[in-house]
């Protein structure tokens, strides 16, 4: 069975929180197999059966409080040739360099896949630079609390210099 990939230009989304009601409205339409909305791009991408009337999608978006205008993106075939596995760029590693490469690829219009083992963000974000700096600042604040230059002012633990 052949499906269509439609793009719905969405007006009225003011933040990323607007994406969820748009997706819910589109997925409530019979014949919609997938919907993804992007506040940043002002669009929703919808995979539908060919019998789905684009006007029904626009009305569903309207009931959610937004304005939608449907345009045909591409025909999808039921067997093979799916864009779900076709990428222009595959980035290996979800650390800071991987994220930078993926973002640059998307900004250039590429269809990007990011492959990562474990927690996204890499060492610096999760266990290295950022967490260690937070601990260093907390230790510094505690040290200054206990070793201030004002005699007679007690610290939180009841001691004074």
N, C-alpha and C. Protein backbone atom coordinates (compact mmCIF):
# COMPACT_ATOMS: atom_id res chain seq x y z
N UNK A 1 0.85 -1.18 0.00
CA UNK A 1 0.00 0.00 0.00
C UNK A 1 0.89 1.23 0.00
N UNK A 2 0.54 2.20 -0.81
CA UNK A 2 1.33 3.41 -0.98
C UNK A 2 0.88 4.48 0.01
N UNK A 3 1.86 5.14 0.61
CA UNK A 3 1.55 6.24 1.52
C UNK A 3 2.12 7.53 0.96
N UNK A 4 1.62 8.63 1.48
CA UNK A 4 2.13 9.94 1.11
C UNK A 4 2.80 10.56 2.31
N UNK A 5 3.86 11.29 2.04
CA UNK A 5 4.50 12.10 3.07
C UNK A 5 4.06 13.53 2.79
N UNK A 6 3.32 14.12 3.73
CA UNK A 6 2.83 15.49 3.56
C UNK A 6 3.56 16.40 4.52
N UNK A 7 3.69 17.64 4.14
CA UNK A 7 4.19 18.68 5.03
C UNK A 7 3.05 19.65 5.26
N UNK A 8 2.83 19.98 6.53
CA UNK A 8 1.79 20.93 6.89
C UNK A 8 2.48 22.17 7.44
N UNK A 9 2.37 23.28 6.73
CA UNK A 9 2.90 24.55 7.23
C UNK A 9 1.98 25.00 8.35
N UNK A 10 2.54 25.22 9.54
CA UNK A 10 1.76 25.55 10.72
C UNK A 10 2.01 27.01 11.12
N UNK A 11 0.94 27.76 11.27
CA UNK A 11 1.04 29.13 11.79
C UNK A 11 0.45 29.16 13.18
N UNK A 12 1.08 29.91 14.07
CA UNK A 12 0.54 30.10 15.41
C UNK A 12 1.30 29.38 16.50
N UNK A 13 2.28 28.53 16.16
CA UNK A 13 3.07 27.88 17.20
C UNK A 13 4.03 28.92 17.78
N UNK A 14 4.01 29.08 19.10
CA UNK A 14 4.84 30.09 19.73
C UNK A 14 5.99 29.51 20.55
N UNK A 15 6.01 28.18 20.74
CA UNK A 15 7.09 27.55 21.49
C UNK A 15 7.08 26.05 21.19
N UNK A 16 8.10 25.34 21.67
CA UNK A 16 8.18 23.90 21.42
C UNK A 16 7.04 23.15 22.10
N UNK A 17 6.41 23.74 23.10
CA UNK A 17 5.27 23.11 23.74
C UNK A 17 4.05 23.02 22.83
N UNK A 18 4.04 23.80 21.76
CA UNK A 18 2.94 23.77 20.80
C UNK A 18 3.00 22.53 19.91
N UNK A 19 4.15 21.88 19.85
CA UNK A 19 4.29 20.73 18.97
C UNK A 19 3.36 19.58 19.36
N UNK A 20 3.25 19.30 20.66
CA UNK A 20 2.45 18.15 21.11
C UNK A 20 0.98 18.25 20.72
N UNK A 21 0.29 19.39 20.92
CA UNK A 21 -1.10 19.43 20.50
C UNK A 21 -1.29 19.34 18.99
N UNK A 22 -0.32 19.84 18.22
CA UNK A 22 -0.40 19.72 16.77
C UNK A 22 -0.28 18.25 16.37
N UNK A 23 0.69 17.55 16.95
CA UNK A 23 0.88 16.12 16.66
C UNK A 23 -0.36 15.33 17.06
N UNK A 24 -0.89 15.60 18.26
CA UNK A 24 -2.08 14.88 18.72
C UNK A 24 -3.26 15.11 17.78
N UNK A 25 -3.44 16.34 17.31
CA UNK A 25 -4.54 16.65 16.40
C UNK A 25 -4.38 15.89 15.09
N UNK A 26 -3.17 15.87 14.56
CA UNK A 26 -2.94 15.19 13.30
C UNK A 26 -3.09 13.68 13.43
N UNK A 27 -2.61 13.12 14.54
CA UNK A 27 -2.70 11.68 14.74
C UNK A 27 -4.13 11.23 15.04
N UNK A 28 -5.00 12.15 15.37
CA UNK A 28 -6.40 11.78 15.60
C UNK A 28 -7.16 11.55 14.30
N UNK A 29 -6.57 11.93 13.18
CA UNK A 29 -7.21 11.76 11.88
C UNK A 29 -7.01 10.31 11.40
N UNK A 30 -8.08 9.60 11.09
CA UNK A 30 -7.93 8.24 10.58
C UNK A 30 -7.11 8.23 9.29
N UNK A 31 -6.18 7.27 9.20
CA UNK A 31 -5.32 7.16 8.03
C UNK A 31 -3.95 7.80 8.22
N UNK A 32 -3.76 8.51 9.34
CA UNK A 32 -2.46 9.09 9.64
C UNK A 32 -1.65 8.04 10.39
N UNK A 33 -0.49 7.67 9.84
CA UNK A 33 0.34 6.67 10.51
C UNK A 33 1.47 7.29 11.32
N UNK A 34 1.82 8.54 11.03
CA UNK A 34 2.90 9.20 11.77
C UNK A 34 2.79 10.69 11.60
N UNK A 35 3.06 11.43 12.68
CA UNK A 35 3.09 12.89 12.62
C UNK A 35 4.20 13.40 13.53
N UNK A 36 4.97 14.34 13.02
CA UNK A 36 6.04 14.98 13.79
C UNK A 36 5.96 16.47 13.52
N UNK A 37 5.93 17.29 14.57
CA UNK A 37 5.85 18.74 14.41
C UNK A 37 7.16 19.38 14.85
N UNK A 38 7.50 20.51 14.23
CA UNK A 38 8.69 21.27 14.59
C UNK A 38 8.32 22.74 14.73
N UNK A 39 8.36 23.22 15.98
CA UNK A 39 8.10 24.64 16.23
C UNK A 39 9.14 25.49 15.49
N UNK A 40 10.41 25.07 15.57
CA UNK A 40 11.50 25.85 14.97
C UNK A 40 11.32 26.02 13.47
N UNK A 41 10.81 24.98 12.79
CA UNK A 41 10.63 25.05 11.35
C UNK A 41 9.23 25.52 10.95
N UNK A 42 8.30 25.51 11.91
CA UNK A 42 6.92 25.93 11.62
C UNK A 42 6.18 24.96 10.73
N UNK A 43 6.52 23.67 10.85
CA UNK A 43 5.89 22.65 10.02
C UNK A 43 5.60 21.40 10.82
N UNK A 44 4.75 20.56 10.24
CA UNK A 44 4.55 19.20 10.72
C UNK A 44 4.71 18.28 9.52
N UNK A 45 5.35 17.15 9.71
CA UNK A 45 5.50 16.15 8.67
C UNK A 45 4.57 15.01 9.03
N UNK A 46 3.74 14.60 8.06
CA UNK A 46 2.69 13.62 8.31
C UNK A 46 2.75 12.53 7.25
N UNK A 47 2.74 11.28 7.69
CA UNK A 47 2.65 10.15 6.78
C UNK A 47 1.22 9.66 6.80
N UNK A 48 0.59 9.62 5.62
CA UNK A 48 -0.84 9.31 5.52
C UNK A 48 -1.13 8.31 4.42
N UNK A 49 -2.26 7.65 4.55
CA UNK A 49 -2.78 6.81 3.47
C UNK A 49 -3.28 7.75 2.37
N UNK A 50 -3.29 7.29 1.11
CA UNK A 50 -3.65 8.18 0.01
C UNK A 50 -5.08 8.70 0.06
N UNK A 51 -5.97 8.00 0.74
CA UNK A 51 -7.37 8.45 0.78
C UNK A 51 -7.62 9.58 1.78
N UNK A 52 -6.62 9.96 2.57
CA UNK A 52 -6.79 11.03 3.55
C UNK A 52 -6.89 12.37 2.82
N UNK A 53 -7.94 13.10 3.10
CA UNK A 53 -8.18 14.41 2.49
C UNK A 53 -7.33 15.45 3.23
N UNK A 54 -6.46 16.17 2.51
CA UNK A 54 -5.63 17.19 3.15
C UNK A 54 -6.46 18.22 3.93
N UNK A 55 -7.67 18.51 3.47
CA UNK A 55 -8.54 19.45 4.19
C UNK A 55 -8.88 18.98 5.58
N UNK A 56 -9.00 17.65 5.76
CA UNK A 56 -9.29 17.10 7.09
C UNK A 56 -8.11 17.36 8.03
N UNK A 57 -6.89 17.24 7.50
CA UNK A 57 -5.71 17.53 8.31
C UNK A 57 -5.68 19.00 8.73
N UNK A 58 -5.99 19.89 7.79
CA UNK A 58 -6.00 21.32 8.08
C UNK A 58 -7.06 21.66 9.13
N UNK A 59 -8.22 21.01 9.05
CA UNK A 59 -9.27 21.24 10.04
C UNK A 59 -8.85 20.73 11.42
N UNK A 60 -8.17 19.59 11.46
CA UNK A 60 -7.70 19.05 12.74
C UNK A 60 -6.71 20.01 13.40
N UNK A 61 -5.80 20.57 12.60
CA UNK A 61 -4.84 21.55 13.11
C UNK A 61 -5.60 22.79 13.61
N UNK A 62 -6.64 23.19 12.88
CA UNK A 62 -7.46 24.34 13.29
C UNK A 62 -8.15 24.11 14.63
N UNK A 63 -8.65 22.87 14.84
CA UNK A 63 -9.30 22.56 16.13
C UNK A 63 -8.32 22.62 17.29
N UNK A 64 -7.03 22.42 16.99
CA UNK A 64 -6.00 22.51 18.03
C UNK A 64 -5.59 23.96 18.29
N UNK A 65 -6.12 24.90 17.50
CA UNK A 65 -5.84 26.31 17.74
C UNK A 65 -4.78 26.91 16.83
N UNK A 66 -4.44 26.23 15.75
CA UNK A 66 -3.39 26.70 14.85
C UNK A 66 -3.95 26.73 13.43
N UNK A 67 -3.20 27.32 12.52
CA UNK A 67 -3.58 27.33 11.12
C UNK A 67 -2.61 26.44 10.37
N UNK A 68 -3.16 25.52 9.56
CA UNK A 68 -2.31 24.60 8.81
C UNK A 68 -2.63 24.63 7.33
N UNK A 69 -1.59 24.54 6.51
CA UNK A 69 -1.73 24.47 5.06
C UNK A 69 -0.91 23.28 4.58
N UNK A 70 -1.57 22.29 3.97
CA UNK A 70 -0.92 21.04 3.56
C UNK A 70 -0.29 21.18 2.19
N UNK A 71 0.90 20.57 2.04
CA UNK A 71 1.52 20.45 0.73
C UNK A 71 2.13 19.06 0.62
N UNK A 72 2.12 18.48 -0.55
CA UNK A 72 2.66 17.15 -0.80
C UNK A 72 4.18 17.21 -0.75
N UNK A 73 4.78 16.32 0.04
CA UNK A 73 6.24 16.28 0.11
C UNK A 73 6.78 15.21 -0.83
N UNK A 74 6.34 13.98 -0.62
CA UNK A 74 6.82 12.89 -1.47
C UNK A 74 5.89 11.70 -1.35
N UNK A 75 5.91 10.84 -2.34
CA UNK A 75 5.18 9.58 -2.29
C UNK A 75 6.03 8.58 -1.53
N UNK A 76 5.37 7.77 -0.70
CA UNK A 76 6.07 6.72 0.04
C UNK A 76 5.58 5.38 -0.48
N UNK A 77 6.48 4.45 -0.68
CA UNK A 77 6.04 3.13 -1.09
C UNK A 77 6.02 2.24 0.13
N UNK A 78 5.15 1.24 0.09
CA UNK A 78 5.01 0.33 1.23
C UNK A 78 6.16 -0.63 1.34
N UNK A 79 6.90 -0.90 0.26
CA UNK A 79 7.99 -1.87 0.30
C UNK A 79 9.27 -1.22 -0.21
N UNK A 80 10.24 -1.10 0.65
CA UNK A 80 11.55 -0.58 0.26
C UNK A 80 11.52 0.89 -0.09
N UNK A 81 12.68 1.47 -0.24
CA UNK A 81 12.80 2.86 -0.64
C UNK A 81 12.33 3.84 0.41
N UNK A 82 12.21 3.43 1.65
CA UNK A 82 11.71 4.32 2.70
C UNK A 82 12.77 5.31 3.11
N UNK A 83 12.41 6.56 3.31
CA UNK A 83 13.35 7.58 3.78
C UNK A 83 13.69 7.39 5.25
N UNK A 84 13.04 6.44 5.92
CA UNK A 84 13.36 6.18 7.33
C UNK A 84 14.80 5.71 7.50
N UNK A 85 15.40 5.17 6.45
CA UNK A 85 16.77 4.67 6.55
C UNK A 85 17.71 5.35 5.57
N UNK A 86 17.26 6.36 4.89
CA UNK A 86 18.10 7.10 3.95
C UNK A 86 18.59 8.37 4.62
N UNK A 87 19.93 8.48 4.79
CA UNK A 87 20.51 9.66 5.43
C UNK A 87 21.60 10.24 4.55
N UNK A 88 21.74 11.54 4.62
CA UNK A 88 22.83 12.22 3.92
C UNK A 88 24.10 12.20 4.75
N UNK A 89 23.93 12.15 6.07
CA UNK A 89 25.06 12.19 6.99
C UNK A 89 24.75 11.32 8.20
N UNK A 90 25.68 10.45 8.56
CA UNK A 90 25.56 9.66 9.78
C UNK A 90 26.71 10.08 10.69
N UNK A 91 26.37 10.57 11.88
CA UNK A 91 27.37 11.03 12.84
C UNK A 91 27.52 9.95 13.90
N UNK A 92 28.75 9.49 14.11
CA UNK A 92 29.03 8.48 15.12
C UNK A 92 29.54 9.17 16.38
N UNK A 93 28.77 9.08 17.46
CA UNK A 93 29.15 9.68 18.73
C UNK A 93 28.28 10.87 19.07
N UNK A 94 27.69 10.84 20.27
CA UNK A 94 26.79 11.90 20.69
C UNK A 94 27.42 12.86 21.67
N UNK A 95 28.72 13.06 21.58
CA UNK A 95 29.39 14.06 22.42
C UNK A 95 29.27 15.44 21.80
N UNK A 96 30.04 16.38 22.33
CA UNK A 96 29.92 17.76 21.86
C UNK A 96 30.27 17.90 20.38
N UNK A 97 31.30 17.19 19.91
CA UNK A 97 31.67 17.27 18.49
C UNK A 97 30.59 16.62 17.62
N UNK A 98 30.04 15.51 18.08
CA UNK A 98 28.97 14.85 17.34
C UNK A 98 27.74 15.72 17.21
N UNK A 99 27.36 16.36 18.32
CA UNK A 99 26.22 17.27 18.28
C UNK A 99 26.49 18.43 17.32
N UNK A 100 27.69 19.00 17.38
CA UNK A 100 28.03 20.12 16.49
C UNK A 100 27.95 19.68 15.03
N UNK A 101 28.45 18.50 14.72
CA UNK A 101 28.41 18.00 13.34
C UNK A 101 26.97 17.77 12.89
N UNK A 102 26.16 17.17 13.77
CA UNK A 102 24.76 16.90 13.43
C UNK A 102 23.99 18.20 13.20
N UNK A 103 24.20 19.17 14.05
CA UNK A 103 23.50 20.47 13.92
C UNK A 103 23.91 21.14 12.61
N UNK A 104 25.20 21.13 12.30
CA UNK A 104 25.67 21.75 11.06
C UNK A 104 25.07 21.04 9.85
N UNK A 105 24.98 19.72 9.92
CA UNK A 105 24.38 18.97 8.83
C UNK A 105 22.92 19.33 8.62
N UNK A 106 22.16 19.42 9.70
CA UNK A 106 20.75 19.78 9.61
C UNK A 106 20.60 21.20 9.08
N UNK A 107 21.43 22.12 9.57
CA UNK A 107 21.39 23.50 9.08
C UNK A 107 21.69 23.59 7.58
N UNK A 108 22.47 22.63 7.08
CA UNK A 108 22.81 22.59 5.66
C UNK A 108 21.74 21.88 4.83
N UNK A 109 20.69 21.40 5.50
CA UNK A 109 19.61 20.74 4.79
C UNK A 109 19.76 19.25 4.65
N UNK A 110 20.74 18.66 5.30
CA UNK A 110 20.97 17.22 5.21
C UNK A 110 20.02 16.47 6.14
N UNK A 111 19.72 15.23 5.78
CA UNK A 111 18.96 14.32 6.64
C UNK A 111 20.01 13.59 7.47
N UNK A 112 20.02 13.81 8.78
CA UNK A 112 21.12 13.39 9.66
C UNK A 112 20.67 12.31 10.64
N UNK A 113 21.52 11.31 10.82
CA UNK A 113 21.33 10.31 11.87
C UNK A 113 22.47 10.46 12.86
N UNK A 114 22.15 10.44 14.16
CA UNK A 114 23.16 10.53 15.21
C UNK A 114 23.17 9.19 15.94
N UNK A 115 24.32 8.49 15.91
CA UNK A 115 24.45 7.18 16.53
C UNK A 115 25.35 7.33 17.74
N UNK A 116 24.87 6.84 18.88
CA UNK A 116 25.62 7.01 20.12
C UNK A 116 25.47 5.78 20.98
N UNK A 117 26.50 5.46 21.73
CA UNK A 117 26.47 4.36 22.69
C UNK A 117 26.41 4.97 24.09
N UNK A 118 25.33 4.72 24.81
CA UNK A 118 25.22 5.25 26.16
C UNK A 118 24.48 6.57 26.21
N UNK A 119 24.83 7.37 27.21
CA UNK A 119 24.14 8.62 27.47
C UNK A 119 24.59 9.68 26.48
N UNK A 120 23.61 10.40 25.90
CA UNK A 120 23.95 11.49 24.99
C UNK A 120 24.65 12.61 25.74
N UNK A 121 25.57 13.25 25.10
CA UNK A 121 26.26 14.39 25.68
C UNK A 121 27.74 14.15 25.87
N UNK A 122 28.14 12.90 26.00
CA UNK A 122 29.55 12.57 26.13
C UNK A 122 30.12 12.85 27.51
N UNK A 123 31.41 12.65 27.62
CA UNK A 123 32.12 12.77 28.90
C UNK A 123 32.03 14.16 29.49
N UNK A 124 32.26 15.19 28.69
CA UNK A 124 32.30 16.56 29.21
C UNK A 124 30.99 16.95 29.88
N UNK A 125 29.88 16.66 29.23
CA UNK A 125 28.58 17.08 29.75
C UNK A 125 28.16 16.26 30.96
N UNK A 126 28.43 14.95 30.95
CA UNK A 126 27.87 14.07 31.95
C UNK A 126 28.78 13.74 33.13
N UNK A 127 30.08 13.61 32.92
CA UNK A 127 30.96 13.23 34.03
C UNK A 127 32.23 14.05 34.12
N UNK A 128 32.52 14.85 33.13
CA UNK A 128 33.78 15.57 33.10
C UNK A 128 33.65 17.03 33.47
N UNK A 129 33.84 17.86 32.47
CA UNK A 129 33.96 19.30 32.65
C UNK A 129 32.82 19.93 33.45
N UNK A 130 31.61 19.75 32.99
CA UNK A 130 30.48 20.46 33.60
C UNK A 130 30.20 19.98 35.02
N UNK A 131 30.06 18.66 35.28
CA UNK A 131 29.82 18.24 36.67
C UNK A 131 30.97 18.59 37.60
N UNK A 132 32.22 18.45 37.13
CA UNK A 132 33.35 18.75 38.01
C UNK A 132 33.40 20.23 38.35
N UNK A 133 33.09 21.10 37.40
CA UNK A 133 33.09 22.55 37.69
C UNK A 133 32.00 22.89 38.70
N UNK A 134 30.85 22.22 38.60
CA UNK A 134 29.78 22.47 39.57
C UNK A 134 30.23 22.06 40.98
N UNK A 135 30.90 20.92 41.09
CA UNK A 135 31.39 20.47 42.40
C UNK A 135 32.49 21.40 42.93
N UNK A 136 33.36 21.85 42.05
CA UNK A 136 34.43 22.77 42.47
C UNK A 136 33.83 24.06 43.01
N UNK A 137 32.82 24.61 42.32
CA UNK A 137 32.18 25.86 42.78
C UNK A 137 31.47 25.65 44.12
N UNK A 138 30.83 24.50 44.31
CA UNK A 138 30.16 24.22 45.59
C UNK A 138 31.19 24.11 46.71
N UNK A 139 32.30 23.44 46.45
CA UNK A 139 33.36 23.32 47.45
C UNK A 139 33.96 24.69 47.77
N UNK A 140 34.14 25.52 46.76
CA UNK A 140 34.67 26.88 46.97
C UNK A 140 33.73 27.70 47.84
N UNK A 141 32.43 27.62 47.58
CA UNK A 141 31.45 28.36 48.38
C UNK A 141 31.47 27.89 49.83
N UNK A 142 31.58 26.58 50.04
CA UNK A 142 31.64 26.05 51.40
C UNK A 142 32.92 26.49 52.10
N UNK A 143 34.05 26.48 51.39
CA UNK A 143 35.31 26.92 51.97
C UNK A 143 35.23 28.40 52.38
N UNK A 144 34.70 29.25 51.51
CA UNK A 144 34.58 30.68 51.83
C UNK A 144 33.65 30.91 53.02
N UNK A 145 32.60 30.09 53.13
CA UNK A 145 31.67 30.20 54.26
C UNK A 145 32.41 29.93 55.57
N UNK A 146 33.26 28.94 55.56
CA UNK A 146 33.95 28.56 56.79
C UNK A 146 35.21 29.39 57.06
N UNK A 147 35.76 30.00 56.04
CA UNK A 147 37.02 30.75 56.19
C UNK A 147 36.86 32.18 55.69
N UNK A 148 35.91 32.88 56.25
CA UNK A 148 35.70 34.27 55.84
C UNK A 148 36.59 35.18 56.68
N UNK A 149 36.68 36.44 56.30
CA UNK A 149 37.59 37.37 56.96
C UNK A 149 36.96 38.22 58.04
N UNK A 150 35.80 37.86 58.58
CA UNK A 150 35.12 38.68 59.56
C UNK A 150 35.03 37.94 60.89
N UNK A 151 35.85 38.35 61.84
CA UNK A 151 35.83 37.70 63.15
C UNK A 151 34.48 37.97 63.83
N UNK A 152 34.00 36.99 64.54
CA UNK A 152 32.77 37.14 65.28
C UNK A 152 31.52 36.83 64.50
N UNK A 153 31.64 36.56 63.23
CA UNK A 153 30.46 36.18 62.45
C UNK A 153 30.43 34.66 62.38
N UNK A 154 29.39 34.05 62.95
CA UNK A 154 29.36 32.59 62.97
C UNK A 154 29.03 32.01 61.58
N UNK A 155 29.53 30.81 61.34
CA UNK A 155 29.19 30.09 60.11
C UNK A 155 27.92 29.29 60.37
N UNK A 156 27.39 28.66 59.35
CA UNK A 156 26.15 27.90 59.47
C UNK A 156 26.25 26.77 60.46
N UNK A 157 27.47 26.21 60.68
CA UNK A 157 27.61 25.11 61.62
C UNK A 157 27.87 25.59 63.05
N UNK A 158 27.70 26.89 63.29
CA UNK A 158 27.80 27.44 64.65
C UNK A 158 29.19 27.84 65.09
N UNK A 159 30.17 27.76 64.25
CA UNK A 159 31.53 28.12 64.61
C UNK A 159 31.86 29.50 64.08
N UNK A 160 32.79 30.19 64.70
CA UNK A 160 33.24 31.47 64.19
C UNK A 160 34.75 31.47 64.12
N UNK A 161 35.31 32.40 63.35
CA UNK A 161 36.76 32.50 63.22
C UNK A 161 37.39 33.11 64.42
